[in-house]
Amino acid sequence: MSVAETLAAYRAALAEVGETITVRRLNPSPAAPTDVQALARITGYDPSEIVPGIQQGDRKVILLAEHVTLTPPLRAGDKLVVRGRVLNIETVDDSTRRLGGVLVAYELLVRG
């Protein structure tokens, strides 16, 4: 499967089972935060997946990368706003869902 086909498959899957969320970067005061909208799928962790670093109540987020235009790239400490609730990004995996050097989606651990 090509990168374009993989990206199209992610878009279709997230359009079907995901939701539009806000990625928020807090800027030094008094600047307003930088917000971007992106498609994501948010799930809880199964009890068998809870290992050191993952707490009960944490969530896994698959976030389509193409609309996340933050500079520097997405990082721990950035926020997600999901259904009005602000969640903290604890870890950012930008390797697992990369194909041919192209970042298709981020895999995040969020808390809050």
PDB file of N, CA and C in Angstrom:
ATOM      1  N   MET A   1       0.849  -1.171   0.000  1.00  0.00           N
ATOM      2  CA  MET A   1       0.000   0.000   0.000  1.00  0.00           C
ATOM      3  C   MET A   1       0.900   1.242   0.000  1.00  0.00           C
ATOM      4  N   SER A   2       0.603   2.195  -0.851  1.00  0.00           N
ATOM      5  CA  SER A   2       1.409   3.415  -0.948  1.00  0.00           C
ATOM      6  C   SER A   2       1.091   4.358   0.219  1.00  0.00           C
ATOM      7  N   VAL A   3       1.922   5.363   0.386  1.00  0.00           N
ATOM      8  CA  VAL A   3       1.681   6.366   1.425  1.00  0.00           C
ATOM      9  C   VAL A   3       0.342   7.057   1.184  1.00  0.00           C
ATOM     10  N   ALA A   4       0.057   7.425  -0.064  1.00  0.00           N
ATOM     11  CA  ALA A   4      -1.203   8.097  -0.390  1.00  0.00           C
ATOM     12  C   ALA A   4      -2.403   7.203  -0.067  1.00  0.00           C
ATOM     13  N   GLU A   5      -2.298   5.910  -0.383  1.00  0.00           N
ATOM     14  CA  GLU A   5      -3.388   4.975  -0.081  1.00  0.00           C
ATOM     15  C   GLU A   5      -3.562   4.807   1.427  1.00  0.00           C
ATOM     16  N   THR A   6      -2.445   4.735   2.145  1.00  0.00           N
ATOM     17  CA  THR A   6      -2.509   4.604   3.600  1.00  0.00           C
ATOM     18  C   THR A   6      -3.149   5.838   4.221  1.00  0.00           C
ATOM     19  N   LEU A   7      -2.747   7.009   3.769  1.00  0.00           N
ATOM     20  CA  LEU A   7      -3.319   8.251   4.280  1.00  0.00           C
ATOM     21  C   LEU A   7      -4.815   8.315   3.984  1.00  0.00           C
ATOM     22  N   ALA A   8      -5.211   7.919   2.796  1.00  0.00           N
ATOM     23  CA  ALA A   8      -6.636   7.904   2.439  1.00  0.00           C
ATOM     24  C   ALA A   8      -7.410   6.937   3.333  1.00  0.00           C
ATOM     25  N   ALA A   9      -6.809   5.778   3.637  1.00  0.00           N
ATOM     26  CA  ALA A   9      -7.458   4.803   4.515  1.00  0.00           C
ATOM     27  C   ALA A   9      -7.616   5.364   5.929  1.00  0.00           C
ATOM     28  N   TYR A  10      -6.595   6.041   6.432  1.00  0.00           N
ATOM     29  CA  TYR A  10      -6.691   6.670   7.757  1.00  0.00           C
ATOM     30  C   TYR A  10      -7.780   7.739   7.762  1.00  0.00           C
ATOM     31  N   ARG A  11      -7.812   8.581   6.724  1.00  0.00           N
ATOM     32  CA  ARG A  11      -8.844   9.623   6.636  1.00  0.00           C
ATOM     33  C   ARG A  11     -10.240   9.008   6.684  1.00  0.00           C
ATOM     34  N   ALA A  12     -10.441   7.967   5.886  1.00  0.00           N
ATOM     35  CA  ALA A  12     -11.756   7.327   5.820  1.00  0.00           C
ATOM     36  C   ALA A  12     -12.130   6.697   7.158  1.00  0.00           C
ATOM     37  N   ALA A  13     -11.191   5.987   7.773  1.00  0.00           N
ATOM     38  CA  ALA A  13     -11.470   5.327   9.051  1.00  0.00           C
ATOM     39  C   ALA A  13     -11.775   6.348  10.145  1.00  0.00           C
ATOM     40  N   LEU A  14     -10.966   7.409  10.216  1.00  0.00           N
ATOM     41  CA  LEU A  14     -11.191   8.406  11.261  1.00  0.00           C
ATOM     42  C   LEU A  14     -12.457   9.218  11.000  1.00  0.00           C
ATOM     43  N   ALA A  15     -12.815   9.420   9.740  1.00  0.00           N
ATOM     44  CA  ALA A  15     -14.069  10.107   9.430  1.00  0.00           C
ATOM     45  C   ALA A  15     -15.256   9.267   9.891  1.00  0.00           C
ATOM     46  N   GLU A  16     -15.105   7.947   9.830  1.00  0.00           N
ATOM     47  CA  GLU A  16     -16.191   7.041  10.212  1.00  0.00           C
ATOM     48  C   GLU A  16     -16.287   6.850  11.722  1.00  0.00           C
ATOM     49  N   VAL A  17     -15.163   6.617  12.396  1.00  0.00           N
ATOM     50  CA  VAL A  17     -15.214   6.257  13.817  1.00  0.00           C
ATOM     51  C   VAL A  17     -14.579   7.295  14.739  1.00  0.00           C
ATOM     52  N   GLY A  18     -13.998   8.332  14.172  1.00  0.00           N
ATOM     53  CA  GLY A  18     -13.327   9.338  14.994  1.00  0.00           C
ATOM     54  C   GLY A  18     -14.188  10.564  15.195  1.00  0.00           C
ATOM     55  N   GLU A  19     -13.537  11.633  15.620  1.00  0.00           N
ATOM     56  CA  GLU A  19     -14.214  12.904  15.839  1.00  0.00           C
ATOM     57  C   GLU A  19     -13.211  14.031  15.637  1.00  0.00           C
ATOM     58  N   THR A  20     -13.729  15.225  15.407  1.00  0.00           N
ATOM     59  CA  THR A  20     -12.867  16.393  15.281  1.00  0.00           C
ATOM     60  C   THR A  20     -12.569  16.916  16.676  1.00  0.00           C
ATOM     61  N   ILE A  21     -11.284  17.098  16.960  1.00  0.00           N
ATOM     62  CA  ILE A  21     -10.848  17.611  18.254  1.00  0.00           C
ATOM     63  C   ILE A  21      -9.972  18.839  18.020  1.00  0.00           C
ATOM     64  N   THR A  22      -9.635  19.516  19.097  1.00  0.00           N
ATOM     65  CA  THR A  22      -8.742  20.664  19.030  1.00  0.00           C
ATOM     66  C   THR A  22      -7.408  20.295  19.659  1.00  0.00           C
ATOM     67  N   VAL A  23      -6.335  20.566  18.941  1.00  0.00           N
ATOM     68  CA  VAL A  23      -4.982  20.445  19.484  1.00  0.00           C
ATOM     69  C   VAL A  23      -4.586  21.849  19.906  1.00  0.00           C
ATOM     70  N   ARG A  24      -4.159  21.990  21.161  1.00  0.00           N
ATOM     71  CA  ARG A  24      -3.862  23.323  21.700  1.00  0.00           C
ATOM     72  C   ARG A  24      -2.419  23.396  22.185  1.00  0.00           C
ATOM     73  N   ARG A  25      -1.740  24.436  21.736  1.00  0.00           N
ATOM     74  CA  ARG A  25      -0.383  24.746  22.217  1.00  0.00           C
ATOM     75  C   ARG A  25      -0.475  26.032  23.017  1.00  0.00           C
ATOM     76  N   LEU A  26      -0.079  25.970  24.288  1.00  0.00           N
ATOM     77  CA  LEU A  26      -0.066  27.165  25.127  1.00  0.00           C
ATOM     78  C   LEU A  26       1.174  27.973  24.802  1.00  0.00           C
ATOM     79  N   ASN A  27       0.993  29.256  24.583  1.00  0.00           N
ATOM     80  CA  ASN A  27       2.088  30.160  24.230  1.00  0.00           C
ATOM     81  C   ASN A  27       2.462  31.006  25.438  1.00  0.00           C
ATOM     82  N   PRO A  28       3.674  31.544  25.451  1.00  0.00           N
ATOM     83  CA  PRO A  28       4.046  32.430  26.559  1.00  0.00           C
ATOM     84  C   PRO A  28       3.058  33.592  26.658  1.00  0.00           C
ATOM     85  N   SER A  29       2.710  33.967  27.871  1.00  0.00           N
ATOM     86  CA  SER A  29       1.767  35.074  28.085  1.00  0.00           C
ATOM     87  C   SER A  29       2.337  36.338  27.480  1.00  0.00           C
ATOM     88  N   PRO A  30       1.519  37.229  26.988  1.00  0.00           N
ATOM     89  CA  PRO A  30       0.063  37.224  26.989  1.00  0.00           C
ATOM     90  C   PRO A  30      -0.527  36.645  25.711  1.00  0.00           C
ATOM     91  N   ALA A  31       0.265  35.975  24.897  1.00  0.00           N
ATOM     92  CA  ALA A  31      -0.234  35.435  23.626  1.00  0.00           C
ATOM     93  C   ALA A  31      -1.325  34.391  23.869  1.00  0.00           C
ATOM     94  N   ALA A  32      -2.301  34.394  22.992  1.00  0.00           N
ATOM     95  CA  ALA A  32      -3.376  33.405  23.068  1.00  0.00           C
ATOM     96  C   ALA A  32      -2.839  32.047  22.643  1.00  0.00           C
ATOM     97  N   PRO A  33      -3.475  30.968  23.108  1.00  0.00           N
ATOM     98  CA  PRO A  33      -3.038  29.640  22.673  1.00  0.00           C
ATOM     99  C   PRO A  33      -3.219  29.475  21.165  1.00  0.00           C
ATOM    100  N   THR A  34      -2.440  28.575  20.587  1.00  0.00           N
ATOM    101  CA  THR A  34      -2.582  28.219  19.182  1.00  0.00           C
ATOM    102  C   THR A  34      -3.428  26.959  19.117  1.00  0.00           C
ATOM    103  N   ASP A  35      -4.550  27.009  18.408  1.00  0.00           N
ATOM    104  CA  ASP A  35      -5.457  25.874  18.270  1.00  0.00           C
ATOM    105  C   ASP A  35      -5.514  25.428  16.819  1.00  0.00           C
ATOM    106  N   VAL A  36      -5.504  24.110  16.602  1.00  0.00           N
ATOM    107  CA  VAL A  36      -5.749  23.535  15.278  1.00  0.00           C
ATOM    108  C   VAL A  36      -6.744  22.392  15.438  1.00  0.00           C
ATOM    109  N   GLN A  37      -7.579  22.214  14.438  1.00  0.00           N
ATOM    110  CA  GLN A  37      -8.565  21.135  14.429  1.00  0.00           C
ATOM    111  C   GLN A  37      -7.977  19.931  13.706  1.00  0.00           C
ATOM    112  N   ALA A  38      -8.277  18.738  14.208  1.00  0.00           N
ATOM    113  CA  ALA A  38      -7.778  17.523  13.566  1.00  0.00           C
ATOM    114  C   ALA A  38      -8.720  16.367  13.866  1.00  0.00           C
ATOM    115  N   LEU A  39      -8.669  15.361  13.009  1.00  0.00           N
ATOM    116  CA  LEU A  39      -9.445  14.139  13.222  1.00  0.00           C
ATOM    117  C   LEU A  39      -8.682  13.202  14.139  1.00  0.00           C
ATOM    118  N   ALA A  40      -9.417  12.564  15.060  1.00  0.00           N
ATOM    119  CA  ALA A  40      -8.775  11.652  15.997  1.00  0.00           C
ATOM    120  C   ALA A  40      -9.743  10.562  16.423  1.00  0.00           C
ATOM    121  N   ARG A  41      -9.181   9.469  16.877  1.00  0.00           N
ATOM    122  CA  ARG A  41      -9.929   8.374  17.500  1.00  0.00           C
ATOM    123  C   ARG A  41      -9.398   8.248  18.915  1.00  0.00           C
ATOM    124  N   ILE A  42     -10.297   8.306  19.889  1.00  0.00           N
ATOM    125  CA  ILE A  42      -9.908   8.279  21.294  1.00  0.00           C
ATOM    126  C   ILE A  42     -10.487   7.029  21.933  1.00  0.00           C
ATOM    127  N   THR A  43      -9.621   6.256  22.577  1.00  0.00           N
ATOM    128  CA  THR A  43     -10.052   5.037  23.257  1.00  0.00           C
ATOM    129  C   THR A  43      -9.399   4.966  24.627  1.00  0.00           C
ATOM    130  N   GLY A  44     -10.005   4.181  25.500  1.00  0.00           N
ATOM    131  CA  GLY A  44      -9.390   3.907  26.790  1.00  0.00           C
ATOM    132  C   GLY A  44      -8.402   2.764  26.652  1.00  0.00           C
ATOM    133  N   TYR A  45      -7.622   2.571  27.685  1.00  0.00           N
ATOM    134  CA  TYR A  45      -6.704   1.433  27.721  1.00  0.00           C
ATOM    135  C   TYR A  45      -7.401   0.269  28.392  1.00  0.00           C
ATOM    136  N   ASP A  46      -7.191  -0.922  27.869  1.00  0.00           N
ATOM    137  CA  ASP A  46      -7.669  -2.142  28.492  1.00  0.00           C
ATOM    138  C   ASP A  46      -6.854  -2.360  29.761  1.00  0.00           C
ATOM    139  N   PRO A  47      -7.464  -2.908  30.822  1.00  0.00           N
ATOM    140  CA  PRO A  47      -6.690  -3.148  32.044  1.00  0.00           C
ATOM    141  C   PRO A  47      -5.394  -3.929  31.811  1.00  0.00           C
ATOM    142  N   SER A  48      -5.378  -4.809  30.823  1.00  0.00           N
ATOM    143  CA  SER A  48      -4.158  -5.583  30.540  1.00  0.00           C
ATOM    144  C   SER A  48      -3.052  -4.718  29.939  1.00  0.00           C
ATOM    145  N   GLU A  49      -3.396  -3.524  29.426  1.00  0.00           N
ATOM    146  CA  GLU A  49      -2.413  -2.622  28.830  1.00  0.00           C
ATOM    147  C   GLU A  49      -1.793  -1.663  29.848  1.00  0.00           C
ATOM    148  N   ILE A  50      -2.322  -1.662  31.069  1.00  0.00           N
ATOM    149  CA  ILE A  50      -1.817  -0.724  32.070  1.00  0.00           C
ATOM    150  C   ILE A  50      -0.490  -1.238  32.608  1.00  0.00           C
ATOM    151  N   VAL A  51       0.557  -0.530  32.240  1.00  0.00           N
ATOM    152  CA  VAL A  51       1.936  -0.844  32.629  1.00  0.00           C
ATOM    153  C   VAL A  51       2.519   0.440  33.221  1.00  0.00           C
ATOM    154  N   PRO A  52       3.730   0.390  33.779  1.00  0.00           N
ATOM    155  CA  PRO A  52       4.303   1.630  34.303  1.00  0.00           C
ATOM    156  C   PRO A  52       4.255   2.750  33.255  1.00  0.00           C
ATOM    157  N   GLY A  53       3.787   3.914  33.680  1.00  0.00           N
ATOM    158  CA  GLY A  53       3.648   5.055  32.778  1.00  0.00           C
ATOM    159  C   GLY A  53       2.230   5.249  32.282  1.00  0.00           C
ATOM    160  N   ILE A  54       1.406   4.203  32.365  1.00  0.00           N
ATOM    161  CA  ILE A  54      -0.003   4.298  31.975  1.00  0.00           C
ATOM    162  C   ILE A  54      -0.840   4.123  33.232  1.00  0.00           C
ATOM    163  N   GLN A  55      -1.732   5.071  33.477  1.00  0.00           N
ATOM    164  CA  GLN A  55      -2.587   5.033  34.655  1.00  0.00           C
ATOM    165  C   GLN A  55      -4.017   4.729  34.248  1.00  0.00           C
ATOM    166  N   GLN A  56      -4.767   4.164  35.184  1.00  0.00           N
ATOM    167  CA  GLN A  56      -6.180   3.941  34.931  1.00  0.00           C
ATOM    168  C   GLN A  56      -6.816   5.292  34.618  1.00  0.00           C
ATOM    169  N   GLY A  57      -7.610   5.356  33.570  1.00  0.00           N
ATOM    170  CA  GLY A  57      -8.239   6.601  33.143  1.00  0.00           C
ATOM    171  C   GLY A  57      -7.508   7.298  32.007  1.00  0.00           C
ATOM    172  N   ASP A  58      -6.252   6.906  31.743  1.00  0.00           N
ATOM    173  CA  ASP A  58      -5.535   7.461  30.593  1.00  0.00           C
ATOM    174  C   ASP A  58      -6.221   7.015  29.314  1.00  0.00           C
ATOM    175  N   ARG A  59      -5.982   7.749  28.242  1.00  0.00           N
ATOM    176  CA  ARG A  59      -6.576   7.414  26.949  1.00  0.00           C
ATOM    177  C   ARG A  59      -5.510   7.362  25.872  1.00  0.00           C
ATOM    178  N   LYS A  60      -5.778   6.535  24.864  1.00  0.00           N
ATOM    179  CA  LYS A  60      -4.923   6.450  23.679  1.00  0.00           C
ATOM    180  C   LYS A  60      -5.619   7.224  22.568  1.00  0.00           C
ATOM    181  N   VAL A  61      -4.857   8.041  21.860  1.00  0.00           N
ATOM    182  CA  VAL A  61      -5.416   8.855  20.782  1.00  0.00           C
ATOM    183  C   VAL A  61      -4.624   8.597  19.510  1.00  0.00           C
ATOM    184  N   ILE A  62      -5.333   8.268  18.441  1.00  0.00           N
ATOM    185  CA  ILE A  62      -4.742   8.204  17.105  1.00  0.00           C
ATOM    186  C   ILE A  62      -5.166   9.506  16.427  1.00  0.00           C
ATOM    187  N   LEU A  63      -4.188  10.352  16.125  1.00  0.00           N
ATOM    188  CA  LEU A  63      -4.440  11.706  15.638  1.00  0.00           C
ATOM    189  C   LEU A  63      -3.875  11.858  14.234  1.00  0.00           C
ATOM    190  N   LEU A  64      -4.738  12.133  13.260  1.00  0.00           N
ATOM    191  CA  LEU A  64      -4.295  12.340  11.886  1.00  0.00           C
ATOM    192  C   LEU A  64      -3.334  13.529  11.848  1.00  0.00           C
ATOM    193  N   ALA A  65      -2.149  13.316  11.314  1.00  0.00           N
ATOM    194  CA  ALA A  65      -1.071  14.306  11.417  1.00  0.00           C
ATOM    195  C   ALA A  65      -1.189  15.457  10.422  1.00  0.00           C
ATOM    196  N   GLU A  66      -1.905  15.277   9.323  1.00  0.00           N
ATOM    197  CA  GLU A  66      -1.841  16.255   8.239  1.00  0.00           C
ATOM    198  C   GLU A  66      -2.327  17.651   8.609  1.00  0.00           C
ATOM    199  N   HIS A  67      -3.172  17.799   9.613  1.00  0.00           N
ATOM    200  CA  HIS A  67      -3.657  19.128   9.982  1.00  0.00           C
ATOM    201  C   HIS A  67      -2.956  19.707  11.204  1.00  0.00           C
ATOM    202  N   VAL A  68      -2.048  18.948  11.790  1.00  0.00           N
ATOM    203  CA  VAL A  68      -1.324  19.421  12.974  1.00  0.00           C
ATOM    204  C   VAL A  68      -0.082  20.157  12.484  1.00  0.00           C
ATOM    205  N   THR A  69      -0.213  21.459  12.367  1.00  0.00           N
ATOM    206  CA  THR A  69       0.819  22.285  11.730  1.00  0.00           C
ATOM    207  C   THR A  69       1.639  23.074  12.741  1.00  0.00           C
ATOM    208  N   LEU A  70       1.713  22.589  13.965  1.00  0.00           N
ATOM    209  CA  LEU A  70       2.443  23.307  15.008  1.00  0.00           C
ATOM    210  C   LEU A  70       3.946  23.233  14.780  1.00  0.00           C
ATOM    211  N   THR A  71       4.635  24.332  15.124  1.00  0.00           N
ATOM    212  CA  THR A  71       6.093  24.367  15.059  1.00  0.00           C
ATOM    213  C   THR A  71       6.588  24.844  16.411  1.00  0.00           C
ATOM    214  N   PRO A  72       7.435  24.090  17.093  1.00  0.00           N
ATOM    215  CA  PRO A  72       7.914  22.758  16.744  1.00  0.00           C
ATOM    216  C   PRO A  72       6.767  21.752  16.747  1.00  0.00           C
ATOM    217  N   PRO A  73       7.027  20.520  16.254  1.00  0.00           N
ATOM    218  CA  PRO A  73       5.971  19.510  16.162  1.00  0.00           C
ATOM    219  C   PRO A  73       5.331  19.207  17.518  1.00  0.00           C
ATOM    220  N   LEU A  74       4.225  18.487  17.457  1.00  0.00           N
ATOM    221  CA  LEU A  74       3.478  18.083  18.644  1.00  0.00           C
ATOM    222  C   LEU A  74       4.418  17.506  19.692  1.00  0.00           C
ATOM    223  N   ARG A  75       4.178  17.841  20.967  1.00  0.00           N
ATOM    224  CA  ARG A  75       5.079  17.404  22.041  1.00  0.00           C
ATOM    225  C   ARG A  75       4.297  17.206  23.337  1.00  0.00           C
ATOM    226  N   ALA A  76       4.907  16.470  24.263  1.00  0.00           N
ATOM    227  CA  ALA A  76       4.326  16.298  25.592  1.00  0.00           C
ATOM    228  C   ALA A  76       4.114  17.678  26.198  1.00  0.00           C
ATOM    229  N   GLY A  77       2.988  17.854  26.878  1.00  0.00           N
ATOM    230  CA  GLY A  77       2.646  19.146  27.465  1.00  0.00           C
ATOM    231  C   GLY A  77       1.655  19.930  26.631  1.00  0.00           C
ATOM    232  N   ASP A  78       1.556  19.625  25.326  1.00  0.00           N
ATOM    233  CA  ASP A  78       0.493  20.224  24.523  1.00  0.00           C
ATOM    234  C   ASP A  78      -0.833  19.651  25.023  1.00  0.00           C
ATOM    235  N   LYS A  79      -1.921  20.231  24.606  1.00  0.00           N
ATOM    236  CA  LYS A  79      -3.248  19.849  25.099  1.00  0.00           C
ATOM    237  C   LYS A  79      -4.141  19.395  23.953  1.00  0.00           C
ATOM    238  N   LEU A  80      -5.139  18.589  24.298  1.00  0.00           N
ATOM    239  CA  LEU A  80      -6.244  18.271  23.400  1.00  0.00           C
ATOM    240  C   LEU A  80      -7.512  18.755  24.071  1.00  0.00           C
ATOM    241  N   VAL A  81      -8.417  19.309  23.296  1.00  0.00           N
ATOM    242  CA  VAL A  81      -9.737  19.664  23.806  1.00  0.00           C
ATOM    243  C   VAL A  81     -10.711  18.710  23.132  1.00  0.00           C
ATOM    244  N   VAL A  82     -11.319  17.852  23.951  1.00  0.00           N
ATOM    245  CA  VAL A  82     -12.207  16.801  23.458  1.00  0.00           C
ATOM    246  C   VAL A  82     -13.561  16.966  24.141  1.00  0.00           C
ATOM    247  N   ARG A  83     -14.572  17.279  23.345  1.00  0.00           N
ATOM    248  CA  ARG A  83     -15.927  17.464  23.878  1.00  0.00           C
ATOM    249  C   ARG A  83     -15.942  18.441  25.049  1.00  0.00           C
ATOM    250  N   GLY A  84     -15.146  19.504  24.945  1.00  0.00           N
ATOM    251  CA  GLY A  84     -15.098  20.541  25.965  1.00  0.00           C
ATOM    252  C   GLY A  84     -14.148  20.271  27.120  1.00  0.00           C
ATOM    253  N   ARG A  85     -13.565  19.104  27.150  1.00  0.00           N
ATOM    254  CA  ARG A  85     -12.650  18.734  28.240  1.00  0.00           C
ATOM    255  C   ARG A  85     -11.202  18.866  27.770  1.00  0.00           C
ATOM    256  N   VAL A  86     -10.356  19.476  28.592  1.00  0.00           N
ATOM    257  CA  VAL A  86      -8.949  19.658  28.249  1.00  0.00           C
ATOM    258  C   VAL A  86      -8.147  18.479  28.789  1.00  0.00           C
ATOM    259  N   LEU A  87      -7.402  17.827  27.898  1.00  0.00           N
ATOM    260  CA  LEU A  87      -6.560  16.684  28.250  1.00  0.00           C
ATOM    261  C   LEU A  87      -5.109  17.043  27.989  1.00  0.00           C
ATOM    262  N   ASN A  88      -4.222  16.549  28.827  1.00  0.00           N
ATOM    263  CA  ASN A  88      -2.790  16.807  28.672  1.00  0.00           C
ATOM    264  C   ASN A  88      -2.141  15.685  27.868  1.00  0.00           C
ATOM    265  N   ILE A  89      -1.325  16.042  26.904  1.00  0.00           N
ATOM    266  CA  ILE A  89      -0.568  15.040  26.156  1.00  0.00           C
ATOM    267  C   ILE A  89       0.634  14.644  26.996  1.00  0.00           C
ATOM    268  N   GLU A  90       0.693  13.375  27.374  1.00  0.00           N
ATOM    269  CA  GLU A  90       1.785  12.852  28.195  1.00  0.00           C
ATOM    270  C   GLU A  90       2.930  12.332  27.333  1.00  0.00           C
ATOM    271  N   THR A  91       2.601  11.566  26.296  1.00  0.00           N
ATOM    272  CA  THR A  91       3.632  11.047  25.390  1.00  0.00           C
ATOM    273  C   THR A  91       3.167  11.181  23.946  1.00  0.00           C
ATOM    274  N   VAL A  92       4.133  11.373  23.065  1.00  0.00           N
ATOM    275  CA  VAL A  92       3.884  11.505  21.627  1.00  0.00           C
ATOM    276  C   VAL A  92       4.725  10.459  20.913  1.00  0.00           C
ATOM    277  N   ASP A  93       4.064   9.567  20.173  1.00  0.00           N
ATOM    278  CA  ASP A  93       4.761   8.582  19.344  1.00  0.00           C
ATOM    279  C   ASP A  93       4.554   9.003  17.893  1.00  0.00           C
ATOM    280  N   ASP A  94       5.634   9.465  17.266  1.00  0.00           N
ATOM    281  CA  ASP A  94       5.542   9.869  15.860  1.00  0.00           C
ATOM    282  C   ASP A  94       6.302   8.899  14.959  1.00  0.00           C
ATOM    283  N   SER A  95       6.504   7.675  15.441  1.00  0.00           N
ATOM    284  CA  SER A  95       7.212   6.661  14.655  1.00  0.00           C
ATOM    285  C   SER A  95       6.311   5.515  14.219  1.00  0.00           C
ATOM    286  N   THR A  96       5.429   5.052  15.102  1.00  0.00           N
ATOM    287  CA  THR A  96       4.633   3.849  14.842  1.00  0.00           C
ATOM    288  C   THR A  96       3.779   3.969  13.593  1.00  0.00           C
ATOM    289  N   ARG A  97       3.203   5.118  13.352  1.00  0.00           N
ATOM    290  CA  ARG A  97       2.283   5.309  12.223  1.00  0.00           C
ATOM    291  C   ARG A  97       2.916   6.187  11.146  1.00  0.00           C
ATOM    292  N   ARG A  98       4.183   5.896  10.882  1.00  0.00           N
ATOM    293  CA  ARG A  98       4.959   6.586   9.847  1.00  0.00           C
ATOM    294  C   ARG A  98       5.207   5.560   8.743  1.00  0.00           C
ATOM    295  N   LEU A  99       5.062   5.969   7.498  1.00  0.00           N
ATOM    296  CA  LEU A  99       5.251   5.060   6.373  1.00  0.00           C
ATOM    297  C   LEU A  99       6.154   5.733   5.354  1.00  0.00           C
ATOM    298  N   GLY A 100       7.256   5.088   5.023  1.00  0.00           N
ATOM    299  CA  GLY A 100       8.179   5.646   4.045  1.00  0.00           C
ATOM    300  C   GLY A 100       8.686   7.016   4.445  1.00  0.00           C
ATOM    301  N   GLY A 101       8.857   7.235   5.742  1.00  0.00           N
ATOM    302  CA  GLY A 101       9.340   8.520   6.226  1.00  0.00           C
ATOM    303  C   GLY A 101       8.268   9.586   6.353  1.00  0.00           C
ATOM    304  N   VAL A 102       7.026   9.267   5.992  1.00  0.00           N
ATOM    305  CA  VAL A 102       5.923  10.228   6.056  1.00  0.00           C
ATOM    306  C   VAL A 102       5.079   9.935   7.291  1.00  0.00           C
ATOM    307  N   LEU A 103       4.910  10.944   8.137  1.00  0.00           N
ATOM    308  CA  LEU A 103       4.080  10.795   9.325  1.00  0.00           C
ATOM    309  C   LEU A 103       2.614  10.834   8.913  1.00  0.00           C
ATOM    310  N   VAL A 104       1.924   9.713   9.104  1.00  0.00           N
ATOM    311  CA  VAL A 104       0.508   9.609   8.764  1.00  0.00           C
ATOM    312  C   VAL A 104      -0.347  10.015   9.966  1.00  0.00           C
ATOM    313  N   ALA A 105       0.006   9.485  11.141  1.00  0.00           N
ATOM    314  CA  ALA A 105      -0.765   9.783  12.351  1.00  0.00           C
ATOM    315  C   ALA A 105       0.135   9.694  13.568  1.00  0.00           C
ATOM    316  N   TYR A 106      -0.218  10.485  14.574  1.00  0.00           N
ATOM    317  CA  TYR A 106       0.432  10.403  15.875  1.00  0.00           C
ATOM    318  C   TYR A 106      -0.315   9.388  16.730  1.00  0.00           C
ATOM    319  N   GLU A 107       0.403   8.719  17.608  1.00  0.00           N
ATOM    320  CA  GLU A 107      -0.217   7.915  18.651  1.00  0.00           C
ATOM    321  C   GLU A 107       0.145   8.582  19.972  1.00  0.00           C
ATOM    322  N   LEU A 108      -0.876   8.993  20.721  1.00  0.00           N
ATOM    323  CA  LEU A 108      -0.674   9.781  21.930  1.00  0.00           C
ATOM    324  C   LEU A 108      -1.208   9.065  23.156  1.00  0.00           C
ATOM    325  N   LEU A 109      -0.585   9.313  24.280  1.00  0.00           N
ATOM    326  CA  LEU A 109      -1.135   8.955  25.577  1.00  0.00           C
ATOM    327  C   LEU A 109      -1.549  10.276  26.211  1.00  0.00           C
ATOM    328  N   VAL A 110      -2.843  10.399  26.568  1.00  0.00           N
ATOM    329  CA  VAL A 110      -3.344  11.640  27.155  1.00  0.00           C
ATOM    330  C   VAL A 110      -3.962  11.354  28.517  1.00  0.00           C
ATOM    331  N   ARG A 111      -3.973  12.388  29.336  1.00  0.00           N
ATOM    332  CA  ARG A 111      -4.453  12.254  30.717  1.00  0.00           C
ATOM    333  C   ARG A 111      -5.254  13.507  31.073  1.00  0.00           C
ATOM    334  N   GLY A 112      -6.284  13.300  31.881  1.00  0.00           N
ATOM    335  CA  GLY A 112      -7.021  14.466  32.379  1.00  0.00           C
ATOM    336  C   GLY A 112      -8.512  14.294  32.349  1.00  0.00           C
TER     337      GLY A 112
END
